[in-house]
Protein backbone atom coordinates (compact mmCIF):
# COMPACT_ATOMS: atom_id res chain seq x y z
CA MET A 1 28.98 12.40 18.98
CA GLU A 2 25.87 14.46 18.81
CA VAL A 3 22.47 12.73 19.21
CA ARG A 4 19.06 14.52 18.48
CA PHE A 5 15.75 13.49 17.82
CA ARG A 6 13.51 15.13 15.08
CA ASP A 7 10.13 14.18 13.68
CA VAL A 8 10.99 14.43 9.88
CA SER A 9 10.08 12.41 6.92
CA PRO A 10 13.16 10.54 5.64
CA GLU A 11 12.91 11.88 1.99
CA ARG A 12 13.75 15.31 3.57
CA ILE A 13 16.70 14.59 5.90
CA LYS A 14 20.00 16.03 4.84
CA THR A 15 22.83 13.59 5.77
CA ASP A 16 25.67 11.67 4.39
CA LEU A 17 24.21 8.41 5.30
CA LEU A 18 20.67 7.71 6.06
CA VAL A 19 19.96 4.58 7.66
CA LEU A 20 16.69 2.52 7.71
CA PRO A 21 16.30 -0.51 9.92
CA VAL A 22 14.20 -3.15 8.00
CA ALA A 23 12.40 -6.32 9.41
CA GLU A 24 12.69 -9.52 7.64
CA LYS A 25 10.30 -9.68 4.62
CA GLU A 26 9.34 -5.88 4.98
CA SER A 27 11.75 -4.38 2.43
CA MET A 28 9.06 -2.45 0.79
CA GLN A 29 7.41 -0.98 3.84
CA PRO A 30 5.72 2.45 3.33
CA VAL A 31 8.81 4.57 4.11
CA ILE A 32 10.95 2.74 1.70
CA ARG A 33 8.22 2.83 -1.13
CA ALA A 34 7.98 6.76 -0.50
CA LEU A 35 11.97 7.12 -0.84
CA ASP A 36 11.87 4.78 -3.87
CA ARG A 37 9.35 6.80 -5.62
CA ARG A 38 11.60 9.92 -5.02
CA LEU A 39 14.82 7.73 -6.20
CA LYS A 40 12.62 6.90 -9.53
CA GLY A 41 12.67 3.18 -8.55
CA GLY A 42 16.26 2.87 -8.16
CA LEU A 43 16.01 1.57 -4.63
CA SER A 44 13.64 -1.08 -5.46
CA ASP A 45 15.67 -2.24 -8.30
CA ARG A 46 18.72 -2.64 -5.90
CA ILE A 47 16.59 -4.45 -3.37
CA LYS A 48 15.51 -6.84 -6.00
CA LYS A 49 19.07 -7.37 -7.63
CA GLY A 50 20.77 -7.60 -4.22
CA LYS A 51 18.03 -10.03 -2.91
CA PHE A 52 17.70 -7.93 0.39
CA THR A 53 14.97 -9.52 2.44
CA GLY A 54 15.86 -7.79 5.88
CA ALA A 55 17.64 -10.81 7.27
CA GLU A 56 19.40 -9.81 10.59
CA GLY A 57 23.05 -8.77 9.72
CA SER A 58 22.21 -7.79 6.01
CA THR A 59 22.83 -4.39 4.47
CA LEU A 60 21.96 -2.62 1.13
CA LEU A 61 23.75 0.49 0.48
CA HIS A 62 22.32 2.71 -2.27
CA SER A 63 23.80 5.99 -3.55
CA THR A 64 20.84 8.81 -4.06
CA ASN A 65 22.68 10.58 -6.80
CA GLY A 66 21.41 14.12 -5.45
CA MET A 67 17.83 13.05 -5.82
CA ILE A 68 17.10 13.54 -2.10
CA PRO A 69 19.02 15.43 0.39
CA ALA A 70 20.87 12.21 1.82
CA ALA A 71 23.87 11.18 -0.03
CA TYR A 72 23.34 7.45 0.70
CA VAL A 73 20.49 5.31 1.81
CA LEU A 74 21.46 2.34 3.90
CA LEU A 75 19.02 -0.37 4.66
CA VAL A 76 20.16 -2.57 7.63
CA GLY A 77 18.41 -5.94 8.14
CA VAL A 78 17.11 -6.48 11.91
CA GLY A 79 15.54 -9.88 11.23
CA LYS A 80 12.15 -11.39 12.17
CA GLY A 81 9.97 -10.31 15.15
CA GLU A 82 7.66 -7.55 16.27
CA GLU A 83 9.75 -7.24 19.53
CA LEU A 84 13.31 -6.85 18.53
CA GLU A 85 16.07 -7.24 21.26
CA VAL A 86 18.30 -4.59 22.33
CA GLY A 87 21.15 -6.38 21.02
CA THR A 88 19.66 -6.63 17.49
CA TRP A 89 19.72 -2.66 17.52
CA ARG A 90 23.14 -2.33 18.78
CA LYS A 91 24.43 -4.81 16.08
CA ALA A 92 22.26 -2.91 13.35
CA ALA A 93 23.94 0.37 14.51
CA ALA A 94 27.54 -0.97 14.48
CA ARG A 95 26.98 -2.32 10.90
CA ALA A 96 25.70 1.10 10.09
CA ARG A 97 28.77 2.86 11.40
CA LYS A 98 30.89 0.23 9.36
CA GLU A 99 29.23 1.35 6.15
CA ALA A 100 29.48 5.18 7.04
CA ALA A 101 33.12 4.73 7.60
CA ALA A 102 33.30 2.70 4.10
CA VAL A 103 31.71 5.58 2.16
CA GLY A 104 33.52 8.45 4.23
CA ALA A 105 30.19 9.61 5.76
CA ALA A 106 31.02 12.08 8.38
CA GLU A 107 27.24 12.02 9.61
CA MET A 108 24.61 9.50 9.67
CA VAL A 109 20.94 9.56 10.75
CA PHE A 110 18.76 6.67 11.82
CA PHE A 111 15.17 6.72 10.75
CA LEU A 112 13.07 4.87 13.25
CA PRO A 113 9.22 4.17 12.46
CA SER A 114 6.96 5.80 15.05
CA GLU A 115 5.61 2.52 16.26
CA ARG A 116 8.98 1.65 17.78
CA ASP A 117 9.91 2.32 21.52
CA SER A 118 12.12 5.28 20.48
CA SER A 119 14.04 5.92 23.46
CA ALA A 120 15.19 2.21 24.18
CA THR A 121 15.86 1.73 20.62
CA ALA A 122 17.75 4.84 20.13
CA GLY A 123 19.93 4.02 23.06
CA ALA A 124 20.79 0.91 22.00
CA MET A 125 21.65 2.20 18.53
CA VAL A 126 23.81 5.01 19.96
CA GLU A 127 25.75 2.30 22.13
CA GLY A 128 26.19 0.16 19.02
CA ALA A 129 27.47 2.97 16.89
CA MET A 130 29.97 4.00 19.40
CA LEU A 131 31.38 0.58 20.26
């Protein structure tokens, strides 16, 4: 497994599966709104129809139909709270890995907002994806 850090906007990432952690009731954060514009409103429609709220353990998979370089976007709910525990990140990554396997994704990219402690969060997510 290769792990790299890059500073790239999510709508420019070429991957099989683009994973975005979403806190509860923040399903239309600026990053997701930007992706939704590129996806012509399809992501927000899926969020509404699927009643995705960002609750811990929830996921929402959306095919991009070639509108952005990523084949699929996966929203992973991480629950409430500003300071999420390491275990929450591990579980989120494990769920993403399951979804990646389900769609046959050979590569997945986690997009982490800049306000997160990226080194601790990334370490927990790598552990979760590998377990």
